[in-house]
Amino acid sequence: MAAHVEEREIQKKYWMDNISDLSVNAMMLDSKASELDKEERPEILSLLPSYEGKTVLELGAGIGRFTGELAQKASQVVALDFIESAIKKNENINGHYKNVKFMCADVTSPDLNFSEGSVDLIFSNWLLMYLSDKEVENLVERMVKWLKVGGSFSLESLVFINLEIPSENTTQPTTVNPDSTQRFVGYGRKSVQMMIRGSSDS
């Protein structure tokens, strides 16, 4: 438990110290990310189940790459991120959407809670890679409770290949072992979607 808390503090410090401009390039850790975003964002949105007129919970919303797009169709969007400056910039960009609620909170916190059966779609992009396996497991268990019957979650994340952190860069926000020294070879994207099936008592 203590190790997970320490890891989260390392992640927070990294983003607060190094992502001062809060641009798409900075948030995606890639100088050419804005070009990738033009291709990736429409593709990811096209894979989502229908959320028109529905309630969407966006975890790890960051500066709002997807928040505005989701708000255009959803009846309500809750955009959540654990970095206050990021969620404030998201609100500055997308605050004109009156159906969006902005929250600064950590998805791993036991204090984070939503009413059972209150959300139609839970969406995250590039979040799970910053969580431990146990944190992902706990989060998914809670998400299932938050979703309505017939609701869905869609989780997009990078899949790192041969990535380990050089000892001089231990503040980089990842859960990979900081004592090792291999190089980053490449990455791909993995998508996980699930629908909650069942019948309501009536």
C-alpha atoms as a PDB file:
ATOM      1  CA  MET A   1       0.000   0.000   0.000  1.00  0.00           C
ATOM      2  CA  ALA A   2       2.809   2.406   0.951  1.00  0.00           C
ATOM      3  CA  ALA A   3       4.551   1.672  -2.351  1.00  0.00           C
ATOM      4  CA  HIS A   4       1.405   2.590  -4.286  1.00  0.00           C
ATOM      5  CA  VAL A   5       1.094   5.881  -2.380  1.00  0.00           C
ATOM      6  CA  GLU A   6       4.745   6.681  -3.103  1.00  0.00           C
ATOM      7  CA  GLU A   7       4.264   5.861  -6.794  1.00  0.00           C
ATOM      8  CA  ARG A   8       1.269   8.196  -7.008  1.00  0.00           C
ATOM      9  CA  GLU A   9       3.253  11.019  -5.411  1.00  0.00           C
ATOM     10  CA  ILE A  10       6.059  10.468  -7.939  1.00  0.00           C
ATOM     11  CA  GLN A  11       3.530  10.714 -10.754  1.00  0.00           C
ATOM     12  CA  LYS A  12       1.993  13.892  -9.343  1.00  0.00           C
ATOM     13  CA  LYS A  13       5.415  15.494  -8.933  1.00  0.00           C
ATOM     14  CA  TYR A  14       6.375  14.607 -12.499  1.00  0.00           C
ATOM     15  CA  TRP A  15       3.289  16.217 -14.024  1.00  0.00           C
ATOM     16  CA  MET A  16       3.448  19.283 -11.770  1.00  0.00           C
ATOM     17  CA  ASP A  17       7.173  19.844 -12.391  1.00  0.00           C
ATOM     18  CA  ASN A  18       7.434  19.023 -16.087  1.00  0.00           C
ATOM     19  CA  ILE A  19       4.113  19.695 -17.783  1.00  0.00           C
ATOM     20  CA  SER A  20       3.944  23.434 -17.204  1.00  0.00           C
ATOM     21  CA  ASP A  21       2.534  24.275 -20.636  1.00  0.00           C
ATOM     22  CA  LEU A  22      -0.190  21.577 -20.457  1.00  0.00           C
ATOM     23  CA  SER A  23      -0.229  21.143 -24.229  1.00  0.00           C
ATOM     24  CA  VAL A  24      -1.340  18.020 -26.089  1.00  0.00           C
ATOM     25  CA  ASN A  25       2.315  17.294 -26.876  1.00  0.00           C
ATOM     26  CA  ALA A  26       3.272  17.573 -23.212  1.00  0.00           C
ATOM     27  CA  MET A  27       0.388  15.500 -21.902  1.00  0.00           C
ATOM     28  CA  MET A  28       1.054  12.718 -24.413  1.00  0.00           C
ATOM     29  CA  LEU A  29       4.833  12.838 -23.783  1.00  0.00           C
ATOM     30  CA  ASP A  30       5.571  13.216 -27.488  1.00  0.00           C
ATOM     31  CA  SER A  31       6.722  16.281 -29.445  1.00  0.00           C
ATOM     32  CA  LYS A  32       4.595  15.156 -32.409  1.00  0.00           C
ATOM     33  CA  ALA A  33       1.550  14.200 -30.357  1.00  0.00           C
ATOM     34  CA  SER A  34      -0.686  16.834 -31.931  1.00  0.00           C
ATOM     35  CA  GLU A  35      -0.303  15.025 -35.258  1.00  0.00           C
ATOM     36  CA  LEU A  36      -1.067  11.674 -33.631  1.00  0.00           C
ATOM     37  CA  ASP A  37      -4.070  13.198 -31.880  1.00  0.00           C
ATOM     38  CA  LYS A  38      -5.650  14.212 -35.193  1.00  0.00           C
ATOM     39  CA  GLU A  39      -5.709  10.558 -36.247  1.00  0.00           C
ATOM     40  CA  GLU A  40      -6.212   8.855 -32.899  1.00  0.00           C
ATOM     41  CA  ARG A  41      -9.051  10.892 -31.426  1.00  0.00           C
ATOM     42  CA  PRO A  42     -11.635  10.323 -34.202  1.00  0.00           C
ATOM     43  CA  GLU A  43     -10.688   6.647 -34.355  1.00  0.00           C
ATOM     44  CA  ILE A  44     -11.168   6.121 -30.622  1.00  0.00           C
ATOM     45  CA  LEU A  45     -14.473   8.004 -30.580  1.00  0.00           C
ATOM     46  CA  SER A  46     -15.730   5.890 -33.476  1.00  0.00           C
ATOM     47  CA  LEU A  47     -15.156   2.740 -31.414  1.00  0.00           C
ATOM     48  CA  LEU A  48     -17.273   3.870 -28.469  1.00  0.00           C
ATOM     49  CA  PRO A  49     -20.776   2.509 -27.947  1.00  0.00           C
ATOM     50  CA  SER A  50     -23.531   5.076 -28.458  1.00  0.00           C
ATOM     51  CA  TYR A  51     -23.529   7.678 -25.687  1.00  0.00           C
ATOM     52  CA  GLU A  52     -25.944  10.202 -27.190  1.00  0.00           C
ATOM     53  CA  GLY A  53     -28.225  11.541 -24.466  1.00  0.00           C
ATOM     54  CA  LYS A  54     -26.436   9.455 -21.833  1.00  0.00           C
ATOM     55  CA  THR A  55     -24.278  10.017 -18.754  1.00  0.00           C
ATOM     56  CA  VAL A  56     -20.526   9.635 -19.337  1.00  0.00           C
ATOM     57  CA  LEU A  57     -17.777   9.393 -16.722  1.00  0.00           C
ATOM     58  CA  GLU A  58     -14.362  10.282 -18.161  1.00  0.00           C
ATOM     59  CA  LEU A  59     -11.490   9.079 -15.976  1.00  0.00           C
ATOM     60  CA  GLY A  60      -8.078  10.678 -16.471  1.00  0.00           C
ATOM     61  CA  ALA A  61      -9.624  13.462 -18.540  1.00  0.00           C
ATOM     62  CA  GLY A  62      -6.476  15.606 -18.481  1.00  0.00           C
ATOM     63  CA  ILE A  63      -6.747  18.881 -20.382  1.00  0.00           C
ATOM     64  CA  GLY A  64      -9.821  17.662 -22.236  1.00  0.00           C
ATOM     65  CA  ARG A  65      -8.762  15.969 -25.457  1.00  0.00           C
ATOM     66  CA  PHE A  66     -12.013  14.013 -25.401  1.00  0.00           C
ATOM     67  CA  THR A  67     -14.170  15.988 -22.962  1.00  0.00           C
ATOM     68  CA  GLY A  68     -15.580  18.450 -25.487  1.00  0.00           C
ATOM     69  CA  GLU A  69     -16.265  15.728 -28.029  1.00  0.00           C
ATOM     70  CA  LEU A  70     -18.138  13.669 -25.433  1.00  0.00           C
ATOM     71  CA  ALA A  71     -20.104  16.705 -24.246  1.00  0.00           C
ATOM     72  CA  GLN A  72     -21.481  17.372 -27.724  1.00  0.00           C
ATOM     73  CA  LYS A  73     -23.575  14.187 -27.608  1.00  0.00           C
ATOM     74  CA  ALA A  74     -23.896  13.123 -23.976  1.00  0.00           C
ATOM     75  CA  SER A  75     -26.546  14.479 -21.641  1.00  0.00           C
ATOM     76  CA  GLN A  76     -23.931  14.775 -18.894  1.00  0.00           C
ATOM     77  CA  VAL A  77     -20.153  14.309 -18.686  1.00  0.00           C
ATOM     78  CA  VAL A  78     -18.128  14.047 -15.490  1.00  0.00           C
ATOM     79  CA  ALA A  79     -14.490  14.826 -16.375  1.00  0.00           C
ATOM     80  CA  LEU A  80     -12.064  13.694 -13.679  1.00  0.00           C
ATOM     81  CA  ASP A  81      -8.292  14.013 -13.285  1.00  0.00           C
ATOM     82  CA  PHE A  82      -5.933  13.982 -10.294  1.00  0.00           C
ATOM     83  CA  ILE A  83      -3.820  16.936 -11.483  1.00  0.00           C
ATOM     84  CA  GLU A  84      -5.567  20.166 -10.514  1.00  0.00           C
ATOM     85  CA  SER A  85      -3.885  22.328 -13.166  1.00  0.00           C
ATOM     86  CA  ALA A  86      -4.930  19.881 -15.893  1.00  0.00           C
ATOM     87  CA  ILE A  87      -8.574  19.775 -14.864  1.00  0.00           C
ATOM     88  CA  LYS A  88      -8.593  23.577 -14.549  1.00  0.00           C
ATOM     89  CA  LYS A  89      -7.308  23.909 -18.109  1.00  0.00           C
ATOM     90  CA  ASN A  90      -9.937  21.392 -19.211  1.00  0.00           C
ATOM     91  CA  GLU A  91     -12.576  23.588 -17.589  1.00  0.00           C
ATOM     92  CA  ASN A  92     -11.137  26.688 -19.283  1.00  0.00           C
ATOM     93  CA  ILE A  93     -11.383  24.941 -22.658  1.00  0.00           C
ATOM     94  CA  ASN A  94     -14.662  23.096 -22.229  1.00  0.00           C
ATOM     95  CA  GLY A  95     -16.422  25.012 -19.466  1.00  0.00           C
ATOM     96  CA  HIS A  96     -18.885  26.475 -21.968  1.00  0.00           C
ATOM     97  CA  TYR A  97     -20.493  23.044 -22.132  1.00  0.00           C
ATOM     98  CA  LYS A  98     -23.074  23.310 -19.374  1.00  0.00           C
ATOM     99  CA  ASN A  99     -23.478  19.536 -19.214  1.00  0.00           C
ATOM    100  CA  VAL A 100     -19.903  18.936 -17.996  1.00  0.00           C
ATOM    101  CA  LYS A 101     -18.861  18.625 -14.359  1.00  0.00           C
ATOM    102  CA  PHE A 102     -15.130  18.920 -13.660  1.00  0.00           C
ATOM    103  CA  MET A 103     -13.592  17.011 -10.731  1.00  0.00           C
ATOM    104  CA  CYS A 104     -10.060  16.867  -9.329  1.00  0.00           C
ATOM    105  CA  ALA A 105      -9.727  13.404  -7.783  1.00  0.00           C
ATOM    106  CA  ASP A 106      -7.564  10.277  -7.844  1.00  0.00           C
ATOM    107  CA  VAL A 107      -9.223   7.225  -9.407  1.00  0.00           C
ATOM    108  CA  THR A 108      -7.409   4.998  -6.900  1.00  0.00           C
ATOM    109  CA  SER A 109      -8.737   6.836  -3.853  1.00  0.00           C
ATOM    110  CA  PRO A 110     -11.265   4.884  -1.755  1.00  0.00           C
ATOM    111  CA  ASP A 111     -13.011   8.209  -1.166  1.00  0.00           C
ATOM    112  CA  LEU A 112     -13.945   8.484  -4.843  1.00  0.00           C
ATOM    113  CA  ASN A 113     -17.447   7.189  -5.251  1.00  0.00           C
ATOM    114  CA  PHE A 114     -20.456   7.512  -7.503  1.00  0.00           C
ATOM    115  CA  SER A 115     -23.958   6.199  -6.965  1.00  0.00           C
ATOM    116  CA  GLU A 116     -24.513   2.617  -8.045  1.00  0.00           C
ATOM    117  CA  GLY A 117     -26.165   2.328 -11.443  1.00  0.00           C
ATOM    118  CA  SER A 118     -25.734   6.038 -12.226  1.00  0.00           C
ATOM    119  CA  VAL A 119     -23.475   6.000 -15.320  1.00  0.00           C
ATOM    120  CA  ASP A 120     -24.101   4.798 -18.883  1.00  0.00           C
ATOM    121  CA  LEU A 121     -20.506   4.915 -20.147  1.00  0.00           C
ATOM    122  CA  ILE A 122     -17.146   5.037 -18.389  1.00  0.00           C
ATOM    123  CA  PHE A 123     -14.305   6.104 -20.672  1.00  0.00           C
ATOM    124  CA  SER A 124     -10.577   6.498 -20.134  1.00  0.00           C
ATOM    125  CA  ASN A 125      -7.637   6.998 -22.454  1.00  0.00           C
ATOM    126  CA  TRP A 126      -3.990   6.521 -21.451  1.00  0.00           C
ATOM    127  CA  LEU A 127      -4.840   5.980 -17.779  1.00  0.00           C
ATOM    128  CA  LEU A 128      -4.380   2.298 -16.974  1.00  0.00           C
ATOM    129  CA  MET A 129      -0.693   2.317 -17.874  1.00  0.00           C
ATOM    130  CA  TYR A 130      -0.071   4.499 -14.805  1.00  0.00           C
ATOM    131  CA  LEU A 131      -1.830   2.089 -12.408  1.00  0.00           C
ATOM    132  CA  SER A 132      -0.639  -1.134 -10.841  1.00  0.00           C
ATOM    133  CA  ASP A 133      -2.434  -4.385 -11.658  1.00  0.00           C
ATOM    134  CA  LYS A 134      -4.125  -4.324  -8.255  1.00  0.00           C
ATOM    135  CA  GLU A 135      -5.256  -0.731  -8.720  1.00  0.00           C
ATOM    136  CA  VAL A 136      -6.754  -1.615 -12.102  1.00  0.00           C
ATOM    137  CA  GLU A 137      -8.527  -4.603 -10.574  1.00  0.00           C
ATOM    138  CA  ASN A 138      -9.989  -2.495  -7.756  1.00  0.00           C
ATOM    139  CA  LEU A 139     -11.027   0.257 -10.152  1.00  0.00           C
ATOM    140  CA  VAL A 140     -12.823  -2.124 -12.502  1.00  0.00           C
ATOM    141  CA  GLU A 141     -14.737  -3.641  -9.585  1.00  0.00           C
ATOM    142  CA  ARG A 142     -15.964  -0.177  -8.631  1.00  0.00           C
ATOM    143  CA  MET A 143     -16.757   0.809 -12.208  1.00  0.00           C
ATOM    144  CA  VAL A 144     -19.033  -2.201 -12.582  1.00  0.00           C
ATOM    145  CA  LYS A 145     -21.025  -0.918  -9.600  1.00  0.00           C
ATOM    146  CA  TRP A 146     -21.253   2.608 -10.985  1.00  0.00           C
ATOM    147  CA  LEU A 147     -22.587   1.469 -14.349  1.00  0.00           C
ATOM    148  CA  LYS A 148     -26.252   1.074 -15.136  1.00  0.00           C
ATOM    149  CA  VAL A 149     -27.498  -2.280 -16.401  1.00  0.00           C
ATOM    150  CA  GLY A 150     -26.716  -2.157 -20.113  1.00  0.00           C
ATOM    151  CA  GLY A 151     -23.950   0.385 -19.479  1.00  0.00           C
ATOM    152  CA  SER A 152     -20.430   0.050 -20.881  1.00  0.00           C
ATOM    153  CA  PHE A 153     -16.873   0.956 -20.111  1.00  0.00           C
ATOM    154  CA  SER A 154     -14.225   1.624 -22.745  1.00  0.00           C
ATOM    155  CA  LEU A 155     -10.608   1.721 -21.611  1.00  0.00           C
ATOM    156  CA  GLU A 156      -7.854   2.756 -24.018  1.00  0.00           C
ATOM    157  CA  SER A 157      -4.229   2.396 -22.967  1.00  0.00           C
ATOM    158  CA  LEU A 158      -0.736   2.169 -24.365  1.00  0.00           C
ATOM    159  CA  VAL A 159       0.996  -1.186 -24.395  1.00  0.00           C
ATOM    160  CA  PHE A 160       4.703  -0.604 -23.793  1.00  0.00           C
ATOM    161  CA  ILE A 161       7.302  -2.873 -25.336  1.00  0.00           C
ATOM    162  CA  ASN A 162      10.611  -3.370 -23.540  1.00  0.00           C
ATOM    163  CA  LEU A 163      10.244  -0.173 -21.527  1.00  0.00           C
ATOM    164  CA  GLU A 164      12.219   0.295 -18.352  1.00  0.00           C
ATOM    165  CA  ILE A 165      13.352   3.505 -16.702  1.00  0.00           C
ATOM    166  CA  PRO A 166      17.010   4.607 -16.629  1.00  0.00           C
ATOM    167  CA  SER A 167      18.168   5.210 -13.057  1.00  0.00           C
ATOM    168  CA  GLU A 168      18.684   8.940 -13.711  1.00  0.00           C
ATOM    169  CA  ASN A 169      15.029   9.368 -14.710  1.00  0.00           C
ATOM    170  CA  THR A 170      13.136   7.745 -11.853  1.00  0.00           C
ATOM    171  CA  THR A 171      10.547  10.530 -11.732  1.00  0.00           C
ATOM    172  CA  GLN A 172       8.966   9.542 -15.041  1.00  0.00           C
ATOM    173  CA  PRO A 173       5.303   8.653 -14.336  1.00  0.00           C
ATOM    174  CA  THR A 174       5.083   4.918 -14.826  1.00  0.00           C
ATOM    175  CA  THR A 175       4.869   1.868 -12.614  1.00  0.00           C
ATOM    176  CA  VAL A 176       7.751   0.118 -14.407  1.00  0.00           C
ATOM    177  CA  ASN A 177      10.636  -0.883 -12.140  1.00  0.00           C
ATOM    178  CA  PRO A 178      12.871   2.238 -11.702  1.00  0.00           C
ATOM    179  CA  ASP A 179      16.004   0.179 -10.956  1.00  0.00           C
ATOM    180  CA  SER A 180      16.346  -1.188 -14.492  1.00  0.00           C
ATOM    181  CA  THR A 181      17.977   0.395 -17.518  1.00  0.00           C
ATOM    182  CA  GLN A 182      16.568  -0.934 -20.774  1.00  0.00           C
ATOM    183  CA  ARG A 183      15.414   1.368 -23.531  1.00  0.00           C
ATOM    184  CA  PHE A 184      11.983   2.160 -24.892  1.00  0.00           C
ATOM    185  CA  VAL A 185      11.501   0.229 -28.132  1.00  0.00           C
ATOM    186  CA  GLY A 186       7.962   1.127 -29.098  1.00  0.00           C
ATOM    187  CA  TYR A 187       4.327   1.077 -28.156  1.00  0.00           C
ATOM    188  CA  GLY A 188       0.925   0.097 -29.393  1.00  0.00           C
ATOM    189  CA  ARG A 189      -2.604   0.767 -28.229  1.00  0.00           C
ATOM    190  CA  LYS A 190      -4.939  -1.652 -26.516  1.00  0.00           C
ATOM    191  CA  SER A 191      -8.678  -1.185 -26.170  1.00  0.00           C
ATOM    192  CA  VAL A 192     -10.916  -2.933 -23.661  1.00  0.00           C
ATOM    193  CA  GLN A 193     -14.686  -2.612 -23.789  1.00  0.00           C
ATOM    194  CA  MET A 194     -17.374  -4.349 -21.783  1.00  0.00           C
ATOM    195  CA  MET A 195     -21.127  -4.053 -21.407  1.00  0.00           C
ATOM    196  CA  ILE A 196     -22.869  -4.711 -18.103  1.00  0.00           C
ATOM    197  CA  ARG A 197     -25.751  -7.062 -18.796  1.00  0.00           C
ATOM    198  CA  GLY A 198     -28.629  -7.929 -16.506  1.00  0.00           C
ATOM    199  CA  SER A 199     -32.255  -7.246 -15.780  1.00  0.00           C
ATOM    200  CA  SER A 200     -33.723  -4.744 -13.380  1.00  0.00           C
ATOM    201  CA  ASP A 201     -36.336  -5.755 -10.822  1.00  0.00           C
ATOM    202  CA  SER A 202     -39.739  -4.493 -11.819  1.00  0.00           C
END
